PDB file of all heavy atoms in Angstrom:
ATOM      1  N   ASN A   1       8.976   0.279   8.170  1.00  0.00           N
ATOM      2  CA  ASN A   1       7.646  -0.334   8.212  1.00  0.00           C
ATOM      3  C   ASN A   1       7.137  -0.339   6.801  1.00  0.00           C
ATOM      4  O   ASN A   1       6.208   0.346   6.404  1.00  0.00           O
ATOM      5  CB  ASN A   1       6.695   0.495   9.130  1.00  0.00           C
ATOM      6  CG  ASN A   1       5.306  -0.107   9.260  1.00  0.00           C
ATOM      7  OD1 ASN A   1       5.185  -1.291   9.037  1.00  0.00           O
ATOM      8  ND2 ASN A   1       4.350   0.729   9.522  1.00  0.00           N
ATOM      9  N   ALA A   2       7.765  -1.182   5.982  1.00  0.00           N
ATOM     10  CA  ALA A   2       7.512  -1.206   4.529  1.00  0.00           C
ATOM     11  C   ALA A   2       6.046  -1.595   4.275  1.00  0.00           C
ATOM     12  O   ALA A   2       5.540  -2.581   4.807  1.00  0.00           O
ATOM     13  CB  ALA A   2       8.445  -2.155   3.827  1.00  0.00           C
ATOM     14  N   PHE A   3       5.376  -0.853   3.390  1.00  0.00           N
ATOM     15  CA  PHE A   3       4.022  -1.055   3.008  1.00  0.00           C
ATOM     16  C   PHE A   3       3.100  -1.270   4.215  1.00  0.00           C
ATOM     17  O   PHE A   3       2.149  -2.011   4.135  1.00  0.00           O
ATOM     18  CB  PHE A   3       3.924  -2.249   2.038  1.00  0.00           C
ATOM     19  CG  PHE A   3       4.017  -1.829   0.581  1.00  0.00           C
ATOM     20  CD1 PHE A   3       5.213  -2.066  -0.059  1.00  0.00           C
ATOM     21  CD2 PHE A   3       2.897  -1.279  -0.005  1.00  0.00           C
ATOM     22  CE1 PHE A   3       5.277  -1.615  -1.397  1.00  0.00           C
ATOM     23  CE2 PHE A   3       3.036  -0.874  -1.336  1.00  0.00           C
ATOM     24  CZ  PHE A   3       4.198  -1.078  -2.041  1.00  0.00           C
ATOM     25  N   GLY A   4       3.421  -0.570   5.266  1.00  0.00           N
ATOM     26  CA  GLY A   4       2.521  -0.618   6.424  1.00  0.00           C
ATOM     27  C   GLY A   4       2.468  -1.986   7.082  1.00  0.00           C
ATOM     28  O   GLY A   4       1.512  -2.407   7.665  1.00  0.00           O
ATOM     29  N   GLY A   5       3.604  -2.700   6.988  1.00  0.00           N
ATOM     30  CA  GLY A   5       3.732  -4.001   7.658  1.00  0.00           C
ATOM     31  C   GLY A   5       3.298  -5.200   6.844  1.00  0.00           C
ATOM     32  O   GLY A   5       3.274  -6.274   7.299  1.00  0.00           O
ATOM     33  N   SER A   6       2.910  -4.970   5.574  1.00  0.00           N
ATOM     34  CA  SER A   6       2.507  -6.077   4.736  1.00  0.00           C
ATOM     35  C   SER A   6       2.885  -5.821   3.288  1.00  0.00           C
ATOM     36  O   SER A   6       3.056  -4.690   2.913  1.00  0.00           O
ATOM     37  CB  SER A   6       1.002  -6.307   4.816  1.00  0.00           C
ATOM     38  OG  SER A   6       0.290  -5.188   4.395  1.00  0.00           O
ATOM     39  N   PHE A   7       3.028  -6.899   2.561  1.00  0.00           N
ATOM     40  CA  PHE A   7       3.327  -6.715   1.130  1.00  0.00           C
ATOM     41  C   PHE A   7       1.984  -6.753   0.353  1.00  0.00           C
ATOM     42  O   PHE A   7       1.081  -7.506   0.734  1.00  0.00           O
ATOM     43  CB  PHE A   7       4.237  -7.810   0.579  1.00  0.00           C
ATOM     44  CG  PHE A   7       4.983  -7.403  -0.605  1.00  0.00           C
ATOM     45  CD1 PHE A   7       6.037  -6.534  -0.480  1.00  0.00           C
ATOM     46  CD2 PHE A   7       4.575  -7.789  -1.880  1.00  0.00           C
ATOM     47  CE1 PHE A   7       6.760  -6.128  -1.658  1.00  0.00           C
ATOM     48  CE2 PHE A   7       5.268  -7.389  -3.035  1.00  0.00           C
ATOM     49  CZ  PHE A   7       6.347  -6.571  -2.881  1.00  0.00           C
ATOM     50  N   PRO A   8       1.879  -5.918  -0.643  1.00  0.00           N
ATOM     51  CA  PRO A   8       0.547  -5.803  -1.283  1.00  0.00           C
ATOM     52  C   PRO A   8       0.055  -7.088  -1.982  1.00  0.00           C
ATOM     53  O   PRO A   8       0.852  -7.855  -2.527  1.00  0.00           O
ATOM     54  CB  PRO A   8       0.753  -4.714  -2.372  1.00  0.00           C
ATOM     55  CG  PRO A   8       2.240  -4.683  -2.539  1.00  0.00           C
ATOM     56  CD  PRO A   8       2.833  -5.015  -1.260  1.00  0.00           C
ATOM     57  N   ARG A   9      -1.247  -7.359  -1.866  1.00  0.00           N
ATOM     58  CA  ARG A   9      -1.864  -8.499  -2.522  1.00  0.00           C
ATOM     59  C   ARG A   9      -1.793  -8.109  -4.008  1.00  0.00           C
ATOM     60  O   ARG A   9      -2.393  -7.112  -4.471  1.00  0.00           O
ATOM     61  CB  ARG A   9      -3.260  -8.706  -2.054  1.00  0.00           C
ATOM     62  CG  ARG A   9      -3.348  -9.130  -0.580  1.00  0.00           C
ATOM     63  CD  ARG A   9      -4.736  -9.604  -0.242  1.00  0.00           C
ATOM     64  NE  ARG A   9      -5.743  -8.563  -0.444  1.00  0.00           N
ATOM     65  CZ  ARG A   9      -6.104  -7.623   0.459  1.00  0.00           C
ATOM     66  NH1 ARG A   9      -5.469  -7.706   1.676  1.00  0.00           N
ATOM     67  NH2 ARG A   9      -6.999  -6.768   0.202  1.00  0.00           N
ATOM     68  N   ARG A  10      -1.243  -9.029  -4.815  1.00  0.00           N
ATOM     69  CA  ARG A  10      -0.992  -8.658  -6.189  1.00  0.00           C
ATOM     70  C   ARG A  10      -2.262  -8.475  -7.003  1.00  0.00           C
ATOM     71  O   ARG A  10      -2.288  -7.724  -7.965  1.00  0.00           O
ATOM     72  CB  ARG A  10      -0.116  -9.743  -6.787  1.00  0.00           C
ATOM     73  CG  ARG A  10       1.356  -9.635  -6.364  1.00  0.00           C
ATOM     74  CD  ARG A  10       2.226 -10.571  -7.164  1.00  0.00           C
ATOM     75  NE  ARG A  10       2.141 -11.928  -6.682  1.00  0.00           N
ATOM     76  CZ  ARG A  10       2.572 -13.006  -7.369  1.00  0.00           C
ATOM     77  NH1 ARG A  10       3.142 -12.807  -8.518  1.00  0.00           N
ATOM     78  NH2 ARG A  10       2.438 -14.165  -6.875  1.00  0.00           N
ATOM     79  N   GLU A  11      -3.330  -9.201  -6.551  1.00  0.00           N
ATOM     80  CA  GLU A  11      -4.551  -9.059  -7.389  1.00  0.00           C
ATOM     81  C   GLU A  11      -5.369  -7.823  -7.180  1.00  0.00           C
ATOM     82  O   GLU A  11      -6.230  -7.494  -7.940  1.00  0.00           O
ATOM     83  CB  GLU A  11      -5.444 -10.330  -7.129  1.00  0.00           C
ATOM     84  CG  GLU A  11      -6.133 -10.287  -5.719  1.00  0.00           C
ATOM     85  CD  GLU A  11      -5.268 -10.748  -4.594  1.00  0.00           C
ATOM     86  OE1 GLU A  11      -4.052 -11.067  -4.837  1.00  0.00           O
ATOM     87  OE2 GLU A  11      -5.737 -10.854  -3.450  1.00  0.00           O
ATOM     88  N   SER A  12      -4.980  -7.015  -6.172  1.00  0.00           N
ATOM     89  CA  SER A  12      -5.900  -5.921  -5.809  1.00  0.00           C
ATOM     90  C   SER A  12      -5.172  -4.546  -6.003  1.00  0.00           C
ATOM     91  O   SER A  12      -4.343  -4.142  -5.266  1.00  0.00           O
ATOM     92  CB  SER A  12      -6.271  -6.017  -4.297  1.00  0.00           C
ATOM     93  OG  SER A  12      -6.895  -4.838  -3.884  1.00  0.00           O
ATOM     94  N   ILE A  13      -5.610  -3.840  -7.035  1.00  0.00           N
ATOM     95  CA  ILE A  13      -5.009  -2.517  -7.304  1.00  0.00           C
ATOM     96  C   ILE A  13      -5.502  -1.547  -6.226  1.00  0.00           C
ATOM     97  O   ILE A  13      -4.759  -0.596  -5.885  1.00  0.00           O
ATOM     98  CB  ILE A  13      -5.368  -1.977  -8.702  1.00  0.00           C
ATOM     99  CG1 ILE A  13      -4.423  -0.812  -9.071  1.00  0.00           C
ATOM    100  CG2 ILE A  13      -6.827  -1.702  -8.870  1.00  0.00           C
ATOM    101  CD1 ILE A  13      -4.272  -0.556 -10.526  1.00  0.00           C
ATOM    102  N   ASP A  14      -6.676  -1.770  -5.666  1.00  0.00           N
ATOM    103  CA  ASP A  14      -7.125  -0.861  -4.589  1.00  0.00           C
ATOM    104  C   ASP A  14      -6.169  -0.995  -3.353  1.00  0.00           C
ATOM    105  O   ASP A  14      -5.916   0.033  -2.719  1.00  0.00           O
ATOM    106  CB  ASP A  14      -8.567  -1.171  -4.187  1.00  0.00           C
ATOM    107  CG  ASP A  14      -9.554  -0.830  -5.291  1.00  0.00           C
ATOM    108  OD1 ASP A  14      -9.228   0.113  -6.031  1.00  0.00           O
ATOM    109  OD2 ASP A  14     -10.612  -1.444  -5.354  1.00  0.00           O
ATOM    110  N   PHE A  15      -5.763  -2.182  -3.074  1.00  0.00           N
ATOM    111  CA  PHE A  15      -4.833  -2.378  -1.984  1.00  0.00           C
ATOM    112  C   PHE A  15      -3.521  -1.688  -2.258  1.00  0.00           C
ATOM    113  O   PHE A  15      -2.925  -1.052  -1.356  1.00  0.00           O
ATOM    114  CB  PHE A  15      -4.622  -3.905  -1.739  1.00  0.00           C
ATOM    115  CG  PHE A  15      -3.832  -4.229  -0.509  1.00  0.00           C
ATOM    116  CD1 PHE A  15      -4.465  -4.250   0.733  1.00  0.00           C
ATOM    117  CD2 PHE A  15      -2.482  -4.513  -0.603  1.00  0.00           C
ATOM    118  CE1 PHE A  15      -3.680  -4.582   1.848  1.00  0.00           C
ATOM    119  CE2 PHE A  15      -1.759  -4.845   0.478  1.00  0.00           C
ATOM    120  CZ  PHE A  15      -2.352  -4.865   1.756  1.00  0.00           C
ATOM    121  N   VAL A  16      -3.041  -1.833  -3.478  1.00  0.00           N
ATOM    122  CA  VAL A  16      -1.783  -1.189  -3.871  1.00  0.00           C
ATOM    123  C   VAL A  16      -1.943   0.323  -3.755  1.00  0.00           C
ATOM    124  O   VAL A  16      -1.056   1.052  -3.223  1.00  0.00           O
ATOM    125  CB  VAL A  16      -1.393  -1.592  -5.295  1.00  0.00           C
ATOM    126  CG1 VAL A  16      -0.154  -0.756  -5.746  1.00  0.00           C
ATOM    127  CG2 VAL A  16      -1.086  -3.065  -5.402  1.00  0.00           C
ATOM    128  N   ARG A  17      -3.076   0.894  -4.235  1.00  0.00           N
ATOM    129  CA  ARG A  17      -3.295   2.276  -4.107  1.00  0.00           C
ATOM    130  C   ARG A  17      -3.242   2.778  -2.705  1.00  0.00           C
ATOM    131  O   ARG A  17      -2.620   3.802  -2.366  1.00  0.00           O
ATOM    132  CB  ARG A  17      -4.647   2.661  -4.727  1.00  0.00           C
ATOM    133  CG  ARG A  17      -4.940   4.131  -4.788  1.00  0.00           C
ATOM    134  CD  ARG A  17      -6.248   4.430  -5.498  1.00  0.00           C
ATOM    135  NE  ARG A  17      -6.230   4.111  -6.898  1.00  0.00           N
ATOM    136  CZ  ARG A  17      -6.818   3.022  -7.461  1.00  0.00           C
ATOM    137  NH1 ARG A  17      -7.564   2.264  -6.670  1.00  0.00           N
ATOM    138  NH2 ARG A  17      -6.717   2.798  -8.716  1.00  0.00           N
ATOM    139  N   GLU A  18      -3.882   2.020  -1.825  1.00  0.00           N
ATOM    140  CA  GLU A  18      -3.908   2.385  -0.366  1.00  0.00           C
ATOM    141  C   GLU A  18      -2.492   2.396   0.161  1.00  0.00           C
ATOM    142  O   GLU A  18      -2.148   3.306   0.961  1.00  0.00           O
ATOM    143  CB  GLU A  18      -4.722   1.348   0.357  1.00  0.00           C
ATOM    144  CG  GLU A  18      -4.764   1.544   1.868  1.00  0.00           C
ATOM    145  CD  GLU A  18      -5.431   0.335   2.597  1.00  0.00           C
ATOM    146  OE1 GLU A  18      -6.317  -0.235   1.984  1.00  0.00           O
ATOM    147  OE2 GLU A  18      -5.088   0.082   3.741  1.00  0.00           O
ATOM    148  N   LYS A  19      -1.675   1.430  -0.157  1.00  0.00           N
ATOM    149  CA  LYS A  19      -0.325   1.327   0.382  1.00  0.00           C
ATOM    150  C   LYS A  19       0.641   2.347  -0.204  1.00  0.00           C
ATOM    151  O   LYS A  19       1.571   2.854   0.465  1.00  0.00           O
ATOM    152  CB  LYS A  19       0.230  -0.110   0.185  1.00  0.00           C
ATOM    153  CG  LYS A  19      -0.558  -1.136   1.013  1.00  0.00           C
ATOM    154  CD  LYS A  19      -0.632  -0.750   2.472  1.00  0.00           C
ATOM    155  CE  LYS A  19      -1.420  -1.760   3.277  1.00  0.00           C
ATOM    156  NZ  LYS A  19      -1.565  -1.302   4.679  1.00  0.00           N
ATOM    157  N   VAL A  20       0.420   2.743  -1.471  1.00  0.00           N
ATOM    158  CA  VAL A  20       1.226   3.766  -2.088  1.00  0.00           C
ATOM    159  C   VAL A  20       0.891   5.088  -1.424  1.00  0.00           C
ATOM    160  O   VAL A  20       1.777   5.898  -1.094  1.00  0.00           O
ATOM    161  CB  VAL A  20       1.049   3.833  -3.615  1.00  0.00           C
ATOM    162  CG1 VAL A  20       1.764   5.043  -4.202  1.00  0.00           C
ATOM    163  CG2 VAL A  20       1.556   2.526  -4.288  1.00  0.00           C
ATOM    164  N   GLN A  21      -0.403   5.317  -1.183  1.00  0.00           N
ATOM    165  CA  GLN A  21      -0.803   6.549  -0.498  1.00  0.00           C
ATOM    166  C   GLN A  21      -0.256   6.611   0.926  1.00  0.00           C
ATOM    167  O   GLN A  21       0.072   7.728   1.430  1.00  0.00           O
ATOM    168  CB  GLN A  21      -2.345   6.620  -0.434  1.00  0.00           C
ATOM    169  CG  GLN A  21      -3.018   6.870  -1.821  1.00  0.00           C
ATOM    170  CD  GLN A  21      -4.491   6.768  -1.769  1.00  0.00           C
ATOM    171  OE1 GLN A  21      -5.106   6.318  -0.799  1.00  0.00           O
ATOM    172  NE2 GLN A  21      -5.145   7.263  -2.810  1.00  0.00           N
ATOM    173  N   TYR A  22      -0.064   5.488   1.533  1.00  0.00           N
ATOM    174  CA  TYR A  22       0.508   5.386   2.856  1.00  0.00           C
ATOM    175  C   TYR A  22       1.904   6.022   2.948  1.00  0.00           C
ATOM    176  O   TYR A  22       2.357   6.465   3.995  1.00  0.00           O
ATOM    177  CB  TYR A  22       0.571   3.908   3.289  1.00  0.00           C
ATOM    178  CG  TYR A  22       1.019   3.564   4.675  1.00  0.00           C
ATOM    179  CD1 TYR A  22       0.142   3.523   5.722  1.00  0.00           C
ATOM    180  CD2 TYR A  22       2.328   3.221   4.911  1.00  0.00           C
ATOM    181  CE1 TYR A  22       0.564   3.180   7.029  1.00  0.00           C
ATOM    182  CE2 TYR A  22       2.773   2.844   6.165  1.00  0.00           C
ATOM    183  CZ  TYR A  22       1.916   2.855   7.204  1.00  0.00           C
ATOM    184  OH  TYR A  22       2.324   2.516   8.448  1.00  0.00           O
ATOM    185  N   THR A  23       2.577   6.045   1.796  1.00  0.00           N
ATOM    186  CA  THR A  23       3.940   6.547   1.735  1.00  0.00           C
ATOM    187  C   THR A  23       3.939   8.087   2.020  1.00  0.00           C
ATOM    188  O   THR A  23       4.947   8.589   2.503  1.00  0.00           O
ATOM    189  CB  THR A  23       4.553   6.309   0.318  1.00  0.00           C
ATOM    190  OG1 THR A  23       4.495   4.906   0.045  1.00  0.00           O
ATOM    191  CG2 THR A  23       5.967   6.785   0.211  1.00  0.00           C
ATOM    192  N   PHE A  24       2.839   8.735   1.718  1.00  0.00           N
ATOM    193  CA  PHE A  24       2.830  10.197   1.776  1.00  0.00           C
ATOM    194  C   PHE A  24       1.884  10.696   2.863  1.00  0.00           C
ATOM    195  O   PHE A  24       0.882  10.005   3.231  1.00  0.00           O
ATOM    196  CB  PHE A  24       2.392  10.782   0.403  1.00  0.00           C
ATOM    197  CG  PHE A  24       3.229  10.330  -0.751  1.00  0.00           C
ATOM    198  CD1 PHE A  24       2.756   9.282  -1.545  1.00  0.00           C
ATOM    199  CD2 PHE A  24       4.485  10.803  -0.992  1.00  0.00           C
ATOM    200  CE1 PHE A  24       3.514   8.791  -2.621  1.00  0.00           C
ATOM    201  CE2 PHE A  24       5.238  10.359  -2.049  1.00  0.00           C
ATOM    202  CZ  PHE A  24       4.793   9.361  -2.862  1.00  0.00           C
ATOM    203  N   TYR A  25       2.089  11.943   3.287  1.00  0.00           N
ATOM    204  CA  TYR A  25       1.135  12.607   4.163  1.00  0.00           C
ATOM    205  C   TYR A  25      -0.114  12.933   3.443  1.00  0.00           C
ATOM    206  O   TYR A  25      -1.224  12.734   3.883  1.00  0.00           O
ATOM    207  CB  TYR A  25       1.850  13.867   4.793  1.00  0.00           C
ATOM    208  CG  TYR A  25       0.824  14.713   5.593  1.00  0.00           C
ATOM    209  CD1 TYR A  25       0.538  14.354   6.911  1.00  0.00           C
ATOM    210  CD2 TYR A  25       0.236  15.780   5.051  1.00  0.00           C
ATOM    211  CE1 TYR A  25      -0.376  15.119   7.650  1.00  0.00           C
ATOM    212  CE2 TYR A  25      -0.678  16.547   5.769  1.00  0.00           C
ATOM    213  CZ  TYR A  25      -0.923  16.205   7.079  1.00  0.00           C
ATOM    214  OH  TYR A  25      -1.819  16.938   7.851  1.00  0.00           O
ATOM    215  N   ASP A  26       0.078  13.512   2.266  1.00  0.00           N
ATOM    216  CA  ASP A  26      -1.065  13.850   1.390  1.00  0.00           C
ATOM    217  C   ASP A  26      -1.262  12.769   0.316  1.00  0.00           C
ATOM    218  O   ASP A  26      -0.419  12.633  -0.569  1.00  0.00           O
ATOM    219  CB  ASP A  26      -0.802  15.199   0.716  1.00  0.00           C
ATOM    220  CG  ASP A  26      -1.970  15.719  -0.101  1.00  0.00           C
ATOM    221  OD1 ASP A  26      -2.924  14.925  -0.272  1.00  0.00           O
ATOM    222  OD2 ASP A  26      -1.926  16.826  -0.543  1.00  0.00           O
TER     223      ASP A  26
END
């Protein structure tokens, strides 16, 4: 389930941060 089912919107670092955090429990 890569990146939570979606690829990150390139313009949004907040979206990227959310999806990178999704990789981890903490």
